[in-house]
């Protein structure tokens, strides 16, 4: 469990440098971002910090500031965003979670996340990827390793994520990368 945040400059080869510190030491958290702000949510590592959200201003190094709280403790959620809205999906709150939280990334802190809807299957340790309009949450563990992929449309809230298809094999604790 650590507080240290590192950064790299993608266009330049080299080692990571220290960016600053999270407000509370934790692990097993996820991040979402816009062009100007990064939000880190969930995690574990201490009493009651699994619902914390911190934010940073990407252009300036420094310590994270409390952004508010998720609707519940979540370790190993999926994180995905379209640059405006950030989602923390699934996770482990003592049992596998089905719910999805959302935030407006550039909102004035301190906020509490809102309910976006549900995954099709409760699970922890999935990955998220996204475009400007759609997000996909894949894999995870729902009692056994999962190959399920769900999708959401960022503009809507409520309801259950829809079936996107299946991963080629069941996986958990995976990562995804996309523009947003």
N, C-alpha and C. Protein backbone atom coordinates (compact mmCIF):
# COMPACT_ATOMS: atom_id res chain seq x y z
N UNK A 1 0.85 -1.17 0.00
CA UNK A 1 0.00 0.00 0.00
C UNK A 1 0.89 1.24 0.00
N UNK A 2 0.70 2.11 -0.99
CA UNK A 2 1.56 3.28 -1.12
C UNK A 2 0.73 4.53 -1.43
N UNK A 3 1.38 5.68 -1.31
CA UNK A 3 0.76 6.93 -1.69
C UNK A 3 1.40 7.53 -2.93
N UNK A 4 2.59 7.06 -3.30
CA UNK A 4 3.37 7.68 -4.37
C UNK A 4 2.74 7.48 -5.74
N UNK A 5 2.67 8.58 -6.52
CA UNK A 5 2.23 8.53 -7.91
C UNK A 5 3.44 8.84 -8.79
N UNK A 6 3.64 8.08 -9.84
CA UNK A 6 4.70 8.32 -10.81
C UNK A 6 4.08 8.82 -12.12
N UNK A 7 4.90 9.42 -12.98
CA UNK A 7 4.44 9.80 -14.31
C UNK A 7 5.55 9.55 -15.32
N UNK A 8 5.16 9.42 -16.55
CA UNK A 8 6.09 9.33 -17.67
C UNK A 8 5.63 10.32 -18.74
N UNK A 9 6.56 10.71 -19.60
CA UNK A 9 6.21 11.48 -20.78
C UNK A 9 6.21 10.50 -21.94
N UNK A 10 5.06 10.21 -22.49
CA UNK A 10 4.91 9.14 -23.47
C UNK A 10 5.77 9.37 -24.71
N UNK A 11 5.93 10.61 -25.14
CA UNK A 11 6.70 10.91 -26.35
C UNK A 11 8.21 10.84 -26.16
N UNK A 12 8.69 10.61 -24.94
CA UNK A 12 10.12 10.60 -24.65
C UNK A 12 10.48 9.31 -23.90
N UNK A 13 11.52 8.63 -24.34
CA UNK A 13 11.99 7.45 -23.63
C UNK A 13 12.61 7.87 -22.30
N UNK A 14 12.46 7.03 -21.29
CA UNK A 14 13.09 7.34 -20.01
C UNK A 14 12.34 6.72 -18.86
N UNK A 15 12.92 6.86 -17.70
CA UNK A 15 12.34 6.31 -16.48
C UNK A 15 11.21 7.19 -15.96
N UNK A 16 10.38 6.63 -15.12
CA UNK A 16 9.30 7.38 -14.48
C UNK A 16 9.89 8.34 -13.45
N UNK A 17 9.16 9.41 -13.20
CA UNK A 17 9.50 10.38 -12.16
C UNK A 17 8.33 10.46 -11.18
N UNK A 18 8.59 10.96 -9.99
CA UNK A 18 7.54 11.11 -8.99
C UNK A 18 6.66 12.30 -9.33
N UNK A 19 5.35 12.07 -9.33
CA UNK A 19 4.36 13.12 -9.61
C UNK A 19 3.92 13.79 -8.31
N UNK A 20 3.67 12.97 -7.28
CA UNK A 20 3.16 13.44 -5.99
C UNK A 20 2.61 12.26 -5.22
N UNK A 21 1.73 12.53 -4.28
CA UNK A 21 1.16 11.48 -3.42
C UNK A 21 -0.35 11.51 -3.44
N UNK A 22 -0.96 10.32 -3.33
CA UNK A 22 -2.39 10.20 -3.10
C UNK A 22 -2.71 10.77 -1.72
N UNK A 23 -3.96 11.11 -1.47
CA UNK A 23 -4.35 11.64 -0.16
C UNK A 23 -4.35 10.55 0.91
N UNK A 24 -4.54 9.29 0.50
CA UNK A 24 -4.58 8.16 1.43
C UNK A 24 -3.87 6.99 0.77
N UNK A 25 -3.01 6.31 1.50
CA UNK A 25 -2.30 5.14 0.96
C UNK A 25 -3.30 4.04 0.64
N UNK A 26 -3.19 3.50 -0.57
CA UNK A 26 -4.05 2.38 -0.95
C UNK A 26 -3.52 1.71 -2.21
N UNK A 27 -4.08 0.55 -2.48
CA UNK A 27 -3.75 -0.25 -3.66
C UNK A 27 -5.06 -0.76 -4.25
N UNK A 28 -4.99 -1.40 -5.40
CA UNK A 28 -6.17 -2.02 -6.04
C UNK A 28 -7.20 -0.99 -6.49
N UNK A 29 -6.77 0.25 -6.83
CA UNK A 29 -7.66 1.30 -7.28
C UNK A 29 -7.57 1.44 -8.79
N UNK A 30 -8.44 2.24 -9.37
CA UNK A 30 -8.43 2.49 -10.82
C UNK A 30 -8.48 3.99 -11.06
N UNK A 31 -8.15 4.39 -12.30
CA UNK A 31 -8.16 5.79 -12.67
C UNK A 31 -9.00 6.05 -13.90
N UNK A 32 -9.51 7.27 -13.99
CA UNK A 32 -10.21 7.77 -15.17
C UNK A 32 -9.68 9.18 -15.42
N UNK A 33 -9.86 9.70 -16.64
CA UNK A 33 -9.30 11.03 -16.90
C UNK A 33 -10.03 11.79 -17.99
N UNK A 34 -9.81 13.10 -17.97
CA UNK A 34 -10.14 14.00 -19.07
C UNK A 34 -8.80 14.48 -19.62
N UNK A 35 -8.80 15.47 -20.50
CA UNK A 35 -7.53 16.02 -20.99
C UNK A 35 -6.79 16.78 -19.90
N UNK A 36 -7.49 17.24 -18.87
CA UNK A 36 -6.87 18.09 -17.86
C UNK A 36 -6.81 17.51 -16.46
N UNK A 37 -7.64 16.51 -16.17
CA UNK A 37 -7.74 16.01 -14.80
C UNK A 37 -7.72 14.50 -14.76
N UNK A 38 -7.08 13.94 -13.75
CA UNK A 38 -7.11 12.51 -13.48
C UNK A 38 -7.81 12.26 -12.15
N UNK A 39 -8.63 11.22 -12.10
CA UNK A 39 -9.35 10.84 -10.88
C UNK A 39 -8.99 9.40 -10.56
N UNK A 40 -8.62 9.14 -9.30
CA UNK A 40 -8.32 7.79 -8.84
C UNK A 40 -9.39 7.40 -7.83
N UNK A 41 -9.99 6.22 -8.00
CA UNK A 41 -11.08 5.83 -7.12
C UNK A 41 -10.97 4.40 -6.64
N UNK A 42 -11.51 4.18 -5.44
CA UNK A 42 -11.56 2.85 -4.85
C UNK A 42 -10.22 2.42 -4.29
N UNK A 43 -10.10 1.12 -4.08
CA UNK A 43 -8.86 0.56 -3.58
C UNK A 43 -9.02 -0.08 -2.22
N UNK A 44 -7.89 -0.48 -1.67
CA UNK A 44 -7.87 -1.09 -0.34
C UNK A 44 -6.53 -0.75 0.31
N UNK A 45 -6.42 -1.06 1.56
CA UNK A 45 -5.16 -0.84 2.24
C UNK A 45 -5.30 -0.16 3.57
N UNK A 46 -6.49 0.17 3.96
CA UNK A 46 -6.69 0.83 5.23
C UNK A 46 -8.16 0.87 5.57
N UNK A 47 -8.43 1.25 6.75
CA UNK A 47 -9.80 1.30 7.25
C UNK A 47 -10.63 2.34 6.49
N UNK A 48 -11.65 1.90 5.78
CA UNK A 48 -12.63 2.80 5.19
C UNK A 48 -12.16 3.64 4.02
N UNK A 49 -11.05 3.30 3.35
CA UNK A 49 -10.62 4.16 2.26
C UNK A 49 -10.96 3.59 0.88
N UNK A 50 -11.74 2.54 0.80
CA UNK A 50 -12.08 1.93 -0.47
C UNK A 50 -13.11 2.69 -1.28
N UNK A 51 -13.66 3.77 -0.71
CA UNK A 51 -14.60 4.58 -1.49
C UNK A 51 -14.02 5.95 -1.81
N UNK A 52 -12.78 6.23 -1.44
CA UNK A 52 -12.15 7.53 -1.71
C UNK A 52 -11.93 7.76 -3.18
N UNK A 53 -12.06 9.02 -3.59
CA UNK A 53 -11.63 9.47 -4.90
C UNK A 53 -10.70 10.66 -4.70
N UNK A 54 -9.58 10.67 -5.41
CA UNK A 54 -8.63 11.78 -5.43
C UNK A 54 -8.57 12.33 -6.83
N UNK A 55 -8.18 13.61 -6.96
CA UNK A 55 -7.95 14.15 -8.30
C UNK A 55 -6.60 14.84 -8.37
N UNK A 56 -6.07 14.87 -9.59
CA UNK A 56 -4.85 15.61 -9.90
C UNK A 56 -5.12 16.46 -11.13
N UNK A 57 -4.35 17.52 -11.27
CA UNK A 57 -4.31 18.30 -12.51
C UNK A 57 -3.13 17.76 -13.30
N UNK A 58 -3.41 17.19 -14.47
CA UNK A 58 -2.40 16.47 -15.23
C UNK A 58 -1.20 17.35 -15.58
N UNK A 59 -1.42 18.62 -15.87
CA UNK A 59 -0.34 19.50 -16.32
C UNK A 59 0.61 19.94 -15.21
N UNK A 60 0.26 19.69 -13.95
CA UNK A 60 1.14 20.15 -12.88
C UNK A 60 1.37 19.04 -11.86
N UNK A 61 2.63 18.78 -11.59
CA UNK A 61 2.97 17.79 -10.58
C UNK A 61 2.50 18.27 -9.22
N UNK A 62 2.23 17.32 -8.35
CA UNK A 62 1.84 17.66 -6.99
C UNK A 62 0.97 16.58 -6.40
N UNK A 63 0.64 16.76 -5.15
CA UNK A 63 -0.17 15.78 -4.44
C UNK A 63 -1.62 15.81 -4.90
N UNK A 64 -2.27 14.65 -4.79
CA UNK A 64 -3.68 14.53 -5.12
C UNK A 64 -4.52 15.19 -4.02
N UNK A 65 -5.70 15.62 -4.41
CA UNK A 65 -6.65 16.25 -3.50
C UNK A 65 -7.92 15.40 -3.48
N UNK A 66 -8.55 15.33 -2.32
CA UNK A 66 -9.77 14.55 -2.21
C UNK A 66 -10.82 15.09 -3.17
N UNK A 67 -11.42 14.18 -3.96
CA UNK A 67 -12.45 14.54 -4.94
C UNK A 67 -13.84 14.22 -4.40
N UNK A 68 -13.94 13.29 -3.46
CA UNK A 68 -15.22 12.86 -2.93
C UNK A 68 -15.21 11.36 -2.71
N UNK A 69 -16.38 10.74 -2.83
CA UNK A 69 -16.50 9.31 -2.53
C UNK A 69 -17.31 8.57 -3.57
N UNK A 70 -16.92 7.33 -3.80
CA UNK A 70 -17.74 6.40 -4.55
C UNK A 70 -18.96 6.05 -3.71
N UNK A 71 -19.95 5.38 -4.29
CA UNK A 71 -21.15 5.03 -3.54
C UNK A 71 -20.90 3.92 -2.53
N UNK A 72 -19.77 3.20 -2.69
CA UNK A 72 -19.42 2.11 -1.77
C UNK A 72 -17.93 1.85 -1.85
N UNK A 73 -17.40 1.06 -0.93
CA UNK A 73 -16.02 0.60 -1.02
C UNK A 73 -15.90 -0.31 -2.23
N UNK A 74 -14.88 -0.08 -3.05
CA UNK A 74 -14.63 -0.90 -4.24
C UNK A 74 -13.14 -1.13 -4.37
N UNK A 75 -12.70 -2.35 -4.27
CA UNK A 75 -11.33 -2.65 -4.67
C UNK A 75 -11.43 -3.47 -5.95
N UNK A 76 -10.47 -3.28 -6.82
CA UNK A 76 -10.44 -3.94 -8.14
C UNK A 76 -11.63 -3.59 -9.04
N UNK A 77 -12.07 -2.33 -9.10
CA UNK A 77 -13.11 -2.00 -10.08
C UNK A 77 -12.48 -1.85 -11.46
N UNK A 78 -13.30 -1.75 -12.49
CA UNK A 78 -12.83 -1.30 -13.80
C UNK A 78 -12.98 0.21 -13.82
N UNK A 79 -12.05 0.92 -14.46
CA UNK A 79 -12.15 2.35 -14.64
C UNK A 79 -12.20 2.66 -16.12
N UNK A 80 -13.14 3.52 -16.55
CA UNK A 80 -13.23 3.91 -17.95
C UNK A 80 -13.87 5.28 -18.04
N UNK A 81 -13.54 6.02 -19.10
CA UNK A 81 -14.10 7.36 -19.26
C UNK A 81 -14.17 7.75 -20.72
N UNK A 82 -14.98 8.76 -20.99
CA UNK A 82 -15.05 9.34 -22.33
C UNK A 82 -14.49 10.75 -22.34
N UNK A 83 -13.76 11.12 -21.31
CA UNK A 83 -13.19 12.45 -21.20
C UNK A 83 -14.07 13.42 -20.45
N UNK A 84 -15.36 13.11 -20.34
CA UNK A 84 -16.30 13.93 -19.59
C UNK A 84 -16.81 13.17 -18.38
N UNK A 85 -17.26 11.97 -18.61
CA UNK A 85 -17.83 11.13 -17.56
C UNK A 85 -16.87 10.00 -17.24
N UNK A 86 -16.66 9.73 -15.97
CA UNK A 86 -15.82 8.61 -15.53
C UNK A 86 -16.67 7.57 -14.84
N UNK A 87 -16.39 6.29 -15.10
CA UNK A 87 -17.14 5.19 -14.50
C UNK A 87 -16.20 4.27 -13.73
N UNK A 88 -16.67 3.79 -12.59
CA UNK A 88 -16.01 2.76 -11.81
C UNK A 88 -17.00 1.60 -11.73
N UNK A 89 -16.67 0.48 -12.37
CA UNK A 89 -17.62 -0.62 -12.57
C UNK A 89 -17.19 -1.87 -11.82
N UNK A 90 -18.16 -2.50 -11.16
CA UNK A 90 -17.89 -3.74 -10.46
C UNK A 90 -16.94 -3.51 -9.30
N UNK A 91 -16.15 -4.52 -9.01
CA UNK A 91 -15.21 -4.45 -7.90
C UNK A 91 -15.58 -5.41 -6.80
N UNK A 92 -14.87 -5.30 -5.70
CA UNK A 92 -15.06 -6.17 -4.55
C UNK A 92 -15.29 -5.29 -3.34
N UNK A 93 -16.47 -5.41 -2.74
CA UNK A 93 -16.79 -4.67 -1.52
C UNK A 93 -16.98 -5.63 -0.35
N UNK A 94 -16.38 -6.79 -0.44
CA UNK A 94 -16.62 -7.89 0.49
C UNK A 94 -17.30 -9.02 -0.25
N UNK A 95 -17.94 -8.67 -1.34
CA UNK A 95 -18.49 -9.63 -2.30
C UNK A 95 -18.38 -8.97 -3.67
N UNK A 96 -18.59 -9.73 -4.73
CA UNK A 96 -18.51 -9.17 -6.08
C UNK A 96 -19.62 -8.16 -6.28
N UNK A 97 -19.29 -7.05 -6.91
CA UNK A 97 -20.25 -5.97 -7.13
C UNK A 97 -20.78 -6.00 -8.55
N UNK A 98 -22.03 -5.62 -8.69
CA UNK A 98 -22.68 -5.53 -10.00
C UNK A 98 -22.85 -4.08 -10.43
N UNK A 99 -22.83 -3.15 -9.48
CA UNK A 99 -23.16 -1.75 -9.76
C UNK A 99 -22.02 -0.99 -10.44
N UNK A 100 -22.41 0.09 -11.13
CA UNK A 100 -21.48 1.00 -11.80
C UNK A 100 -21.74 2.40 -11.25
N UNK A 101 -20.67 3.08 -10.79
CA UNK A 101 -20.75 4.46 -10.35
C UNK A 101 -20.29 5.37 -11.47
N UNK A 102 -20.81 6.62 -11.50
CA UNK A 102 -20.29 7.59 -12.45
C UNK A 102 -20.07 8.94 -11.79
N UNK A 103 -19.13 9.69 -12.38
CA UNK A 103 -18.82 11.04 -11.95
C UNK A 103 -18.65 11.91 -13.20
N UNK A 104 -18.75 13.22 -13.02
CA UNK A 104 -18.33 14.17 -14.04
C UNK A 104 -16.91 14.57 -13.67
N UNK A 105 -15.95 14.22 -14.52
CA UNK A 105 -14.53 14.34 -14.18
C UNK A 105 -14.12 15.76 -13.85
N UNK A 106 -14.58 16.74 -14.59
CA UNK A 106 -14.17 18.12 -14.36
C UNK A 106 -15.11 18.87 -13.42
N UNK A 107 -15.94 18.14 -12.68
CA UNK A 107 -16.84 18.77 -11.70
C UNK A 107 -16.03 19.36 -10.56
N UNK A 108 -16.66 20.27 -9.84
CA UNK A 108 -16.02 20.83 -8.66
C UNK A 108 -15.98 19.77 -7.58
N UNK A 109 -14.79 19.48 -7.05
CA UNK A 109 -14.73 18.54 -5.93
C UNK A 109 -15.44 19.17 -4.74
N UNK A 110 -15.92 18.63 -3.84
CA UNK A 110 -16.04 17.25 -3.44
C UNK A 110 -17.41 16.75 -3.85
N UNK A 111 -17.43 15.62 -4.53
CA UNK A 111 -18.67 15.05 -5.03
C UNK A 111 -18.81 13.62 -4.54
N UNK A 112 -20.02 13.15 -4.56
CA UNK A 112 -20.28 11.73 -4.34
C UNK A 112 -20.71 11.15 -5.68
N UNK A 113 -20.13 10.04 -6.04
CA UNK A 113 -20.49 9.38 -7.29
C UNK A 113 -21.97 9.03 -7.28
N UNK A 114 -22.53 8.89 -8.47
CA UNK A 114 -23.94 8.53 -8.65
C UNK A 114 -24.04 7.15 -9.28
N UNK A 115 -25.19 6.53 -9.13
CA UNK A 115 -25.43 5.21 -9.70
C UNK A 115 -25.65 5.35 -11.21
N UNK A 116 -24.86 4.62 -11.99
CA UNK A 116 -24.99 4.62 -13.45
C UNK A 116 -25.89 3.49 -13.93
N UNK A 117 -25.86 2.36 -13.24
CA UNK A 117 -26.59 1.16 -13.65
C UNK A 117 -25.83 -0.05 -13.15
N UNK A 118 -25.99 -1.17 -13.83
CA UNK A 118 -25.39 -2.43 -13.38
C UNK A 118 -24.69 -3.16 -14.52
N UNK A 119 -23.68 -3.94 -14.15
CA UNK A 119 -23.08 -4.90 -15.07
C UNK A 119 -24.07 -6.05 -15.27
N UNK A 120 -23.85 -6.86 -16.28
CA UNK A 120 -24.73 -8.02 -16.48
C UNK A 120 -24.44 -9.12 -15.47
N UNK A 121 -23.20 -9.14 -14.96
CA UNK A 121 -22.77 -10.14 -13.98
C UNK A 121 -21.91 -9.44 -12.94
N UNK A 122 -22.19 -9.67 -11.66
CA UNK A 122 -21.36 -9.11 -10.59
C UNK A 122 -19.96 -9.70 -10.68
N UNK A 123 -18.93 -8.82 -10.62
CA UNK A 123 -17.56 -9.33 -10.69
C UNK A 123 -16.58 -8.27 -10.24
N UNK A 124 -15.39 -8.74 -9.86
CA UNK A 124 -14.29 -7.85 -9.52
C UNK A 124 -13.12 -8.13 -10.46
N UNK A 125 -12.22 -7.18 -10.56
CA UNK A 125 -11.00 -7.27 -11.37
C UNK A 125 -11.24 -7.36 -12.88
N UNK A 126 -12.27 -6.64 -13.41
CA UNK A 126 -12.39 -6.55 -14.87
C UNK A 126 -11.54 -5.39 -15.37
N UNK A 127 -11.49 -5.22 -16.68
CA UNK A 127 -10.82 -4.08 -17.30
C UNK A 127 -11.84 -3.26 -18.07
N UNK A 128 -11.54 -1.99 -18.25
CA UNK A 128 -12.41 -1.12 -19.02
C UNK A 128 -11.65 -0.44 -20.15
N UNK A 129 -12.31 -0.30 -21.29
CA UNK A 129 -11.81 0.48 -22.43
C UNK A 129 -12.98 1.31 -22.95
N UNK A 130 -12.66 2.39 -23.69
CA UNK A 130 -13.77 3.24 -24.09
C UNK A 130 -13.44 4.09 -25.30
N UNK A 131 -14.50 4.58 -25.93
CA UNK A 131 -14.44 5.58 -26.99
C UNK A 131 -15.16 6.82 -26.44
N UNK A 132 -15.42 7.78 -27.30
CA UNK A 132 -16.16 8.96 -26.87
C UNK A 132 -17.61 8.65 -26.50
N UNK A 133 -18.16 7.57 -27.03
CA UNK A 133 -19.59 7.27 -26.82
C UNK A 133 -19.86 5.99 -26.05
N UNK A 134 -18.96 5.02 -26.12
CA UNK A 134 -19.24 3.70 -25.57
C UNK A 134 -18.08 3.21 -24.72
N UNK A 135 -18.41 2.45 -23.68
CA UNK A 135 -17.40 1.81 -22.85
C UNK A 135 -17.64 0.32 -22.82
N UNK A 136 -16.55 -0.46 -22.74
CA UNK A 136 -16.64 -1.92 -22.66
C UNK A 136 -15.92 -2.36 -21.39
N UNK A 137 -16.58 -3.21 -20.61
CA UNK A 137 -16.02 -3.78 -19.38
C UNK A 137 -15.89 -5.28 -19.63
N UNK A 138 -14.66 -5.81 -19.54
CA UNK A 138 -14.44 -7.21 -19.89
C UNK A 138 -13.69 -7.98 -18.83
N UNK A 139 -14.01 -9.27 -18.76
CA UNK A 139 -13.31 -10.17 -17.86
C UNK A 139 -13.68 -9.93 -16.41
N UNK A 140 -12.81 -10.40 -15.53
CA UNK A 140 -13.03 -10.27 -14.10
C UNK A 140 -13.26 -11.62 -13.46
N UNK A 141 -13.73 -11.57 -12.23
CA UNK A 141 -13.97 -12.79 -11.47
C UNK A 141 -15.32 -12.68 -10.80
N UNK A 142 -16.19 -13.61 -11.10
CA UNK A 142 -17.54 -13.63 -10.53
C UNK A 142 -17.75 -14.87 -9.66
N UNK A 143 -16.68 -15.36 -9.07
CA UNK A 143 -16.67 -16.63 -8.36
C UNK A 143 -15.78 -17.60 -9.12
N UNK A 144 -15.69 -17.38 -10.40
CA UNK A 144 -14.70 -18.03 -11.28
C UNK A 144 -14.29 -16.97 -12.30
N UNK A 145 -13.18 -17.19 -12.95
CA UNK A 145 -12.68 -16.24 -13.93
C UNK A 145 -13.67 -16.13 -15.09
N UNK A 146 -13.90 -14.91 -15.56
CA UNK A 146 -14.97 -14.63 -16.52
C UNK A 146 -14.44 -14.24 -17.89
N UNK A 147 -15.20 -14.56 -18.94
CA UNK A 147 -14.90 -14.09 -20.29
C UNK A 147 -15.95 -13.09 -20.78
N UNK A 148 -16.86 -12.66 -19.89
CA UNK A 148 -17.97 -11.77 -20.23
C UNK A 148 -17.45 -10.37 -20.59
N UNK A 149 -18.00 -9.79 -21.67
CA UNK A 149 -17.79 -8.38 -22.00
C UNK A 149 -19.14 -7.70 -22.08
N UNK A 150 -19.30 -6.60 -21.33
CA UNK A 150 -20.50 -5.77 -21.35
C UNK A 150 -20.16 -4.45 -21.99
N UNK A 151 -21.17 -3.75 -22.54
CA UNK A 151 -20.93 -2.38 -22.98
C UNK A 151 -21.99 -1.46 -22.42
N UNK A 152 -21.59 -0.19 -22.28
CA UNK A 152 -22.48 0.87 -21.85
C UNK A 152 -22.38 2.01 -22.86
N UNK A 153 -23.39 2.87 -22.88
CA UNK A 153 -23.36 4.10 -23.64
C UNK A 153 -23.25 5.23 -22.62
N UNK A 154 -22.19 6.04 -22.73
CA UNK A 154 -21.91 7.06 -21.71
C UNK A 154 -23.06 8.04 -21.52
N UNK A 155 -23.79 8.37 -22.55
CA UNK A 155 -24.84 9.39 -22.47
C UNK A 155 -26.05 8.95 -21.66
N UNK A 156 -26.20 7.66 -21.42
CA UNK A 156 -27.37 7.17 -20.69
C UNK A 156 -26.98 6.68 -19.31
N UNK A 157 -27.92 6.65 -18.41
CA UNK A 157 -27.72 6.04 -17.10
C UNK A 157 -28.92 5.17 -16.81
N UNK A 158 -28.74 4.26 -15.86
CA UNK A 158 -29.82 3.36 -15.48
C UNK A 158 -29.81 2.10 -16.31
N UNK A 159 -30.37 1.08 -15.77
CA UNK A 159 -30.46 -0.18 -16.49
C UNK A 159 -29.21 -1.03 -16.34
N UNK A 160 -29.17 -2.04 -17.17
CA UNK A 160 -28.09 -3.02 -17.13
C UNK A 160 -27.25 -2.90 -18.38
N UNK A 161 -25.93 -3.04 -18.22
CA UNK A 161 -25.03 -3.04 -19.37
C UNK A 161 -25.45 -4.16 -20.32
N UNK A 162 -25.16 -3.98 -21.60
CA UNK A 162 -25.57 -4.93 -22.62
C UNK A 162 -24.43 -5.86 -23.00
N UNK A 163 -24.78 -7.03 -23.53
CA UNK A 163 -23.80 -8.02 -23.95
C UNK A 163 -23.02 -7.51 -25.15
N UNK A 164 -21.70 -7.50 -25.05
CA UNK A 164 -20.84 -7.07 -26.14
C UNK A 164 -20.23 -8.26 -26.87
N UNK A 165 -20.22 -9.42 -26.22
CA UNK A 165 -19.56 -10.62 -26.75
C UNK A 165 -18.71 -11.23 -25.67
N UNK A 166 -17.78 -12.08 -26.04
CA UNK A 166 -16.92 -12.76 -25.07
C UNK A 166 -15.45 -12.56 -25.41
N UNK A 167 -14.61 -12.52 -24.37
CA UNK A 167 -13.17 -12.59 -24.56
C UNK A 167 -12.82 -13.96 -25.13
N UNK A 168 -11.66 -14.10 -25.75
CA UNK A 168 -11.28 -15.40 -26.32
C UNK A 168 -11.06 -16.44 -25.24
N UNK A 169 -10.62 -16.03 -24.06
CA UNK A 169 -10.50 -16.90 -22.89
C UNK A 169 -10.89 -16.09 -21.66
N UNK A 170 -11.28 -16.76 -20.61
CA UNK A 170 -11.61 -16.09 -19.35
C UNK A 170 -10.34 -15.49 -18.74
N UNK A 171 -10.46 -14.25 -18.24
CA UNK A 171 -9.31 -13.55 -17.65
C UNK A 171 -9.79 -12.66 -16.50
N UNK A 172 -8.90 -12.44 -15.52
CA UNK A 172 -9.17 -11.42 -14.50
C UNK A 172 -7.87 -10.70 -14.16
N UNK A 173 -8.00 -9.62 -13.40
CA UNK A 173 -6.86 -8.76 -13.07
C UNK A 173 -6.14 -8.35 -14.35
N UNK A 174 -6.90 -7.95 -15.35
CA UNK A 174 -6.33 -7.53 -16.61
C UNK A 174 -6.39 -6.02 -16.74
N UNK A 175 -5.77 -5.47 -17.75
CA UNK A 175 -5.75 -4.03 -17.98
C UNK A 175 -6.22 -3.74 -19.39
N UNK A 176 -6.72 -2.56 -19.60
CA UNK A 176 -7.12 -2.11 -20.92
C UNK A 176 -6.56 -0.72 -21.18
N UNK A 177 -6.40 -0.37 -22.42
CA UNK A 177 -5.91 0.98 -22.77
C UNK A 177 -6.72 1.50 -23.94
N UNK A 178 -7.10 2.77 -23.85
CA UNK A 178 -7.82 3.44 -24.92
C UNK A 178 -7.63 4.93 -24.77
N UNK A 179 -7.98 5.68 -25.77
CA UNK A 179 -7.80 7.14 -25.74
C UNK A 179 -8.49 7.73 -24.54
N UNK A 180 -9.68 7.35 -24.25
CA UNK A 180 -10.41 7.76 -23.05
C UNK A 180 -10.96 6.53 -22.43
